[in-house]
């Protein structure tokens, strides 16, 4: 499959509201499929989780080392999709990289090793002190958004203004819960903070994941995360989060480092941990939101599914389809 130029002409292109990661990935899929659109992105709502994303993709989740939901569908697609998008945009932002998960302690090690045969799947490689996770890595989300913005602007597809109508596809991140169209949906946003450091201690060859993560950025720079908070949703970093991140680093064996910067964002998570994808039952409006901390791995696959549904080729997975909440819109 290759990218093709948008050939469909229409007097009424879709309006995509928001150029965070969700809106960007959806717009690229529309362009590839020939679906006409314009992106509206307001500087006043540009504070999103995308600008402070960890960007990690990891097919293994939880203390029990389970395959993440739909891993066998999501990961082949993302490993095909992001390199193709890199080629179109002429910039590298996709970094496939091993991920190592040390055992938390001897008790947890014994528990996991005893259940190795039940747990084992194709993404795991067992070592004496932990497991290697294959098909992991990270996406430089900030770079992807920056070059995509320039790409869409060069084609006259970007409007840098606030959209005040209702007939659009809304990719607003955590701001979506303040939109009257979607305020009845079960959002569960979580504030997250991370920091960028410089240090000679961590390895630059893999992502370390132990009650937190250390992602190598190159040139002895690393991204460290992440915190979770559900009490306040400002765009201000906090000393409490810095202390928590510093403690996470120490538990991963890093105490000697230089703080480069601290970032914060709000994850647009949901109560059932599944995204919101599709069109409103009673309005000419759509939503592509609710991807939480797994947007890098979830968004390409479901952008493709929804694009195909719009073209009449297939339907969106029922666990992400907004149809599961149609009963909320008629109350």
Protein backbone atom coordinates (compact mmCIF):
# COMPACT_ATOMS: atom_id res chain seq x y z
CA UNK A 1 0.00 0.00 0.00
CA UNK A 2 1.30 3.48 -0.87
CA UNK A 3 0.20 7.02 -0.19
CA UNK A 4 -1.67 8.71 -3.02
CA UNK A 5 -2.66 12.31 -3.61
CA UNK A 6 -6.14 13.45 -2.62
CA UNK A 7 -8.26 13.43 -5.81
CA UNK A 8 -11.79 13.83 -4.50
CA UNK A 9 -13.19 17.34 -4.87
CA UNK A 10 -16.13 18.53 -2.80
CA UNK A 11 -17.79 21.82 -1.98
CA UNK A 12 -18.22 20.57 1.59
CA UNK A 13 -15.04 18.95 2.86
CA UNK A 14 -14.98 17.45 6.32
CA UNK A 15 -13.78 19.81 9.04
CA UNK A 16 -11.35 18.22 11.48
CA UNK A 17 -11.14 20.22 14.70
CA UNK A 18 -7.79 19.91 16.46
CA UNK A 19 -4.29 19.15 15.21
CA UNK A 20 -3.05 17.05 18.08
CA UNK A 21 -2.00 13.51 17.33
CA UNK A 22 -5.58 12.27 16.81
CA UNK A 23 -6.53 14.97 14.31
CA UNK A 24 -3.19 14.68 12.54
CA UNK A 25 -3.33 10.90 12.09
CA UNK A 26 -6.96 11.03 10.97
CA UNK A 27 -6.19 13.81 8.48
CA UNK A 28 -3.33 11.81 6.95
CA UNK A 29 -5.68 8.85 6.47
CA UNK A 30 -8.31 11.08 4.86
CA UNK A 31 -5.69 12.49 2.50
CA UNK A 32 -4.49 9.02 1.55
CA UNK A 33 -8.08 7.87 0.91
CA UNK A 34 -9.06 10.92 -1.13
CA UNK A 35 -11.57 12.22 1.42
CA UNK A 36 -11.65 16.05 1.28
CA UNK A 37 -11.06 17.90 4.56
CA UNK A 38 -9.67 20.96 6.30
CA UNK A 39 -8.10 21.09 9.74
CA UNK A 40 -9.10 23.86 12.13
CA UNK A 41 -6.67 24.31 14.99
CA UNK A 42 -6.91 27.08 17.56
CA UNK A 43 -3.82 28.25 19.48
CA UNK A 44 -6.04 28.67 22.56
CA UNK A 45 -6.68 24.90 22.73
CA UNK A 46 -3.30 23.75 21.42
CA UNK A 47 -2.31 22.63 24.93
CA UNK A 48 -2.88 18.90 24.61
CA UNK A 49 -1.35 15.65 25.77
CA UNK A 50 0.23 15.34 22.32
CA UNK A 51 2.76 18.09 23.04
CA UNK A 52 3.99 16.23 26.15
CA UNK A 53 3.46 12.64 25.06
CA UNK A 54 5.76 9.84 26.07
CA UNK A 55 5.14 8.45 22.59
CA UNK A 56 5.87 4.84 23.57
CA UNK A 57 4.31 1.90 21.75
CA UNK A 58 4.46 -1.35 23.69
CA UNK A 59 2.48 -4.55 22.99
CA UNK A 60 2.76 -5.75 26.61
CA UNK A 61 0.75 -4.29 29.47
CA UNK A 62 0.35 -4.67 33.22
CA UNK A 63 2.28 -6.52 35.90
CA UNK A 64 1.15 -9.86 34.46
CA UNK A 65 2.86 -9.14 31.12
CA UNK A 66 -0.32 -9.57 29.11
CA UNK A 67 -0.63 -8.69 25.45
CA UNK A 68 -2.23 -5.30 25.11
CA UNK A 69 -5.72 -5.19 23.62
CA UNK A 70 -5.74 -6.05 19.88
CA UNK A 71 -1.93 -6.14 19.76
CA UNK A 72 -1.89 -8.61 16.87
CA UNK A 73 -3.90 -6.16 14.75
CA UNK A 74 -2.52 -2.83 15.98
CA UNK A 75 1.20 -3.48 15.83
CA UNK A 76 1.58 -4.87 12.30
CA UNK A 77 -0.33 -1.84 11.06
CA UNK A 78 1.65 0.77 13.00
CA UNK A 79 4.95 -0.82 11.89
CA UNK A 80 3.76 -0.44 8.30
CA UNK A 81 2.10 2.94 8.66
CA UNK A 82 4.59 5.19 10.46
CA UNK A 83 7.56 4.44 8.14
CA UNK A 84 5.32 5.18 5.13
CA UNK A 85 4.32 8.47 6.72
CA UNK A 86 7.98 9.27 7.42
CA UNK A 87 8.70 8.82 3.72
CA UNK A 88 5.90 11.19 2.73
CA UNK A 89 6.91 13.87 5.25
CA UNK A 90 10.65 13.43 4.69
CA UNK A 91 11.40 13.33 8.41
CA UNK A 92 12.24 10.60 10.87
CA UNK A 93 10.05 10.33 13.97
CA UNK A 94 9.45 6.55 14.32
CA UNK A 95 11.99 4.68 16.42
CA UNK A 96 11.65 0.91 16.80
CA UNK A 97 13.61 -0.04 19.91
CA UNK A 98 13.78 -2.94 22.39
CA UNK A 99 12.08 -2.42 25.74
CA UNK A 100 13.31 -4.08 28.92
CA UNK A 101 11.10 -4.73 31.93
CA UNK A 102 13.07 -5.83 35.00
CA UNK A 103 11.21 -7.95 37.51
CA UNK A 104 9.86 -5.68 40.25
CA UNK A 105 11.19 -7.92 43.03
CA UNK A 106 12.01 -11.56 43.79
CA UNK A 107 8.42 -12.34 44.78
CA UNK A 108 7.05 -11.02 41.50
CA UNK A 109 9.81 -12.78 39.59
CA UNK A 110 8.88 -16.12 41.16
CA UNK A 111 5.18 -15.55 40.48
CA UNK A 112 5.80 -14.74 36.80
CA UNK A 113 8.34 -17.50 36.19
CA UNK A 114 5.98 -20.09 37.67
CA UNK A 115 3.36 -18.98 35.14
CA UNK A 116 5.73 -18.53 32.23
CA UNK A 117 4.03 -21.11 30.02
CA UNK A 118 0.61 -19.49 30.48
CA UNK A 119 1.95 -15.94 30.10
CA UNK A 120 4.36 -16.43 27.23
CA UNK A 121 3.52 -14.93 23.84
CA UNK A 122 5.45 -13.82 20.77
CA UNK A 123 6.32 -10.37 22.14
CA UNK A 124 8.31 -11.64 25.16
CA UNK A 125 11.89 -12.83 25.49
CA UNK A 126 12.68 -14.01 29.02
CA UNK A 127 15.93 -13.24 30.89
CA UNK A 128 17.00 -14.09 34.45
CA UNK A 129 16.30 -10.54 35.68
CA UNK A 130 13.38 -9.49 33.51
CA UNK A 131 11.80 -9.68 30.06
CA UNK A 132 12.60 -8.07 26.74
CA UNK A 133 9.60 -6.83 24.81
CA UNK A 134 9.77 -7.00 21.04
CA UNK A 135 7.97 -4.66 18.61
CA UNK A 136 8.30 -1.76 21.05
CA UNK A 137 9.67 1.74 20.53
CA UNK A 138 8.62 5.36 20.50
CA UNK A 139 7.30 8.08 18.22
CA UNK A 140 8.65 11.63 18.38
CA UNK A 141 5.15 13.10 18.52
CA UNK A 142 6.26 16.75 18.62
CA UNK A 143 8.26 16.32 15.40
CA UNK A 144 5.42 14.43 13.72
CA UNK A 145 2.96 17.22 14.59
CA UNK A 146 5.34 19.98 13.47
CA UNK A 147 6.13 18.53 10.04
CA UNK A 148 2.51 17.49 9.51
CA UNK A 149 1.37 21.03 10.27
CA UNK A 150 3.71 22.40 7.64
CA UNK A 151 2.62 19.69 5.19
CA UNK A 152 -1.09 20.45 5.56
CA UNK A 153 -0.49 24.22 5.52
CA UNK A 154 1.43 23.90 2.25
CA UNK A 155 -1.63 22.27 0.68
CA UNK A 156 -4.03 24.91 2.00
CA UNK A 157 -5.65 22.44 4.38
CA UNK A 158 -4.91 24.17 7.70
CA UNK A 159 -7.03 26.96 9.25
CA UNK A 160 -5.39 28.47 12.33
CA UNK A 161 -8.56 29.64 14.02
CA UNK A 162 -11.16 28.52 16.53
CA UNK A 163 -14.05 26.54 15.10
CA UNK A 164 -17.41 27.45 16.65
CA UNK A 165 -19.81 25.28 14.64
CA UNK A 166 -21.13 21.77 15.23
CA UNK A 167 -20.76 20.14 11.81
CA UNK A 168 -17.25 18.77 12.18
CA UNK A 169 -15.14 15.86 13.36
CA UNK A 170 -13.86 16.80 16.79
CA UNK A 171 -10.37 15.68 17.80
CA UNK A 172 -10.09 17.89 20.86
CA UNK A 173 -8.38 15.66 23.39
CA UNK A 174 -9.42 16.35 26.98
CA UNK A 175 -11.15 19.56 25.83
CA UNK A 176 -13.78 17.29 24.29
CA UNK A 177 -15.53 16.81 27.63
CA UNK A 178 -16.32 20.55 27.63
CA UNK A 179 -17.96 20.35 24.20
CA UNK A 180 -21.77 20.16 24.70
CA UNK A 181 -21.98 17.61 21.89
CA UNK A 182 -19.84 15.14 23.83
CA UNK A 183 -20.17 16.18 27.48
CA UNK A 184 -22.32 13.13 28.28
CA UNK A 185 -19.54 10.73 27.28
CA UNK A 186 -17.60 8.99 30.07
CA UNK A 187 -14.29 10.82 29.82
CA UNK A 188 -11.74 10.16 32.55
CA UNK A 189 -8.86 12.56 31.83
CA UNK A 190 -5.55 12.15 33.62
CA UNK A 191 -2.86 14.78 33.93
CA UNK A 192 0.63 13.51 33.23
CA UNK A 193 4.06 15.01 33.69
CA UNK A 194 7.41 13.90 32.39
CA UNK A 195 10.89 15.32 32.22
CA UNK A 196 13.76 15.40 29.80
CA UNK A 197 17.18 14.84 31.33
CA UNK A 198 20.80 14.56 30.36
CA UNK A 199 22.73 11.72 31.97
CA UNK A 200 25.62 9.33 31.33
CA UNK A 201 23.96 6.54 33.32
CA UNK A 202 21.08 4.97 31.31
CA UNK A 203 21.59 2.85 28.22
CA UNK A 204 20.90 4.49 24.88
CA UNK A 205 20.11 1.12 23.28
CA UNK A 206 16.69 0.36 24.76
CA UNK A 207 13.70 1.72 26.69
CA UNK A 208 13.75 0.86 30.38
CA UNK A 209 10.31 0.26 31.90
CA UNK A 210 10.07 -0.24 35.67
CA UNK A 211 7.26 1.66 37.41
CA UNK A 212 8.07 4.39 34.91
CA UNK A 213 10.08 4.68 31.74
CA UNK A 214 13.38 6.01 30.43
CA UNK A 215 13.37 6.61 26.66
CA UNK A 216 16.69 7.33 24.88
CA UNK A 217 16.45 10.44 22.70
CA UNK A 218 20.06 10.44 21.52
CA UNK A 219 23.13 12.45 22.53
CA UNK A 220 22.75 11.28 26.15
CA UNK A 221 19.32 12.89 26.44
CA UNK A 222 16.39 10.89 27.84
CA UNK A 223 12.68 11.26 28.39
CA UNK A 224 11.48 10.12 31.84
CA UNK A 225 7.88 9.51 32.85
CA UNK A 226 5.27 9.54 33.80
CA UNK A 227 2.94 10.73 36.52
CA UNK A 228 -0.84 10.38 36.74
CA UNK A 229 -3.16 12.89 38.39
CA UNK A 230 -6.93 13.26 38.44
CA UNK A 231 -7.44 16.33 40.66
CA UNK A 232 -6.41 19.32 38.56
CA UNK A 233 -5.95 19.86 34.84
CA UNK A 234 -3.85 22.98 34.39
CA UNK A 235 -0.94 23.27 31.99
CA UNK A 236 1.41 24.03 34.88
CA UNK A 237 4.16 21.63 35.93
CA UNK A 238 4.40 20.89 39.64
CA UNK A 239 7.23 20.32 42.14
CA UNK A 240 5.35 17.26 43.43
CA UNK A 241 5.53 15.64 40.00
CA UNK A 242 9.22 16.51 39.69
CA UNK A 243 9.88 14.78 43.00
CA UNK A 244 7.89 11.73 41.90
CA UNK A 245 9.78 11.52 38.60
CA UNK A 246 13.10 11.89 40.41
CA UNK A 247 12.15 9.01 42.70
CA UNK A 248 11.18 6.89 39.68
CA UNK A 249 14.59 7.59 38.19
CA UNK A 250 16.34 6.55 41.39
CA UNK A 251 14.41 3.27 41.46
CA UNK A 252 15.66 2.66 37.91
CA UNK A 253 19.24 3.27 39.03
CA UNK A 254 19.72 6.85 37.89
CA UNK A 255 20.58 9.50 40.47
CA UNK A 256 23.16 11.53 38.56
CA UNK A 257 21.38 13.64 35.94
CA UNK A 258 20.79 17.17 34.69
CA UNK A 259 17.19 18.33 34.30
CA UNK A 260 16.65 19.79 30.83
CA UNK A 261 12.91 20.47 31.02
CA UNK A 262 9.67 19.32 32.60
CA UNK A 263 6.47 18.95 30.56
CA UNK A 264 2.82 18.33 31.27
CA UNK A 265 -0.24 17.25 29.31
CA UNK A 266 -3.74 15.89 29.88
CA UNK A 267 -4.44 12.38 28.62
CA UNK A 268 -7.95 12.10 27.11
CA UNK A 269 -8.67 8.76 28.77
CA UNK A 270 -12.09 7.14 29.15
CA UNK A 271 -13.84 5.16 31.86
CA UNK A 272 -13.97 1.94 29.82
CA UNK A 273 -10.43 2.47 28.43
CA UNK A 274 -11.68 2.47 24.86
CA UNK A 275 -11.67 5.41 22.41
CA UNK A 276 -14.65 7.28 20.99
CA UNK A 277 -14.84 6.88 17.19
CA UNK A 278 -17.71 7.72 14.89
CA UNK A 279 -20.59 10.08 14.16
CA UNK A 280 -23.19 11.45 16.56
CA UNK A 281 -26.59 9.75 16.31
CA UNK A 282 -28.54 13.02 16.03
CA UNK A 283 -26.05 15.66 14.84
CA UNK A 284 -23.81 16.07 11.80
CA UNK A 285 -20.76 15.73 13.99
CA UNK A 286 -18.09 13.12 14.55
CA UNK A 287 -15.55 12.35 17.23
CA UNK A 288 -12.07 10.78 17.22
CA UNK A 289 -10.94 10.98 20.82
CA UNK A 290 -10.39 9.15 24.09
CA UNK A 291 -7.16 7.34 23.24
CA UNK A 292 -5.56 7.92 26.65
CA UNK A 293 -1.88 7.04 26.96
CA UNK A 294 -1.92 4.55 24.05
CA UNK A 295 -2.69 6.94 21.21
CA UNK A 296 0.51 6.22 19.30
CA UNK A 297 -0.49 2.56 18.87
CA UNK A 298 -4.30 2.92 18.70
CA UNK A 299 -4.81 5.93 16.44
CA UNK A 300 -3.42 4.68 13.12
CA UNK A 301 -5.42 1.46 13.19
CA UNK A 302 -8.72 3.10 14.11
CA UNK A 303 -8.17 6.05 11.78
CA UNK A 304 -7.88 3.47 8.99
CA UNK A 305 -11.00 1.62 10.21
CA UNK A 306 -13.07 4.78 10.38
CA UNK A 307 -11.82 5.99 7.00
CA UNK A 308 -12.87 2.67 5.52
CA UNK A 309 -16.26 2.93 7.22
CA UNK A 310 -16.81 6.39 5.75
CA UNK A 311 -15.98 4.95 2.33
CA UNK A 312 -18.44 2.09 2.91
CA UNK A 313 -15.75 -0.60 3.00
CA UNK A 314 -16.08 -1.84 6.59
CA UNK A 315 -17.27 -0.88 10.07
CA UNK A 316 -15.43 0.39 13.14
CA UNK A 317 -14.74 -2.11 15.92
CA UNK A 318 -17.79 -2.16 18.24
CA UNK A 319 -15.70 -1.57 21.37
CA UNK A 320 -14.53 1.82 20.08
CA UNK A 321 -17.56 2.82 18.01
CA UNK A 322 -19.46 5.77 19.41
CA UNK A 323 -22.61 3.76 18.72
CA UNK A 324 -22.14 2.10 22.11
CA UNK A 325 -23.12 5.43 23.68
CA UNK A 326 -25.99 6.45 21.40
CA UNK A 327 -28.39 5.96 24.30
CA UNK A 328 -26.72 8.91 26.06
CA UNK A 329 -27.47 11.33 23.22
CA UNK A 330 -31.25 10.83 23.31
CA UNK A 331 -31.67 11.44 27.06
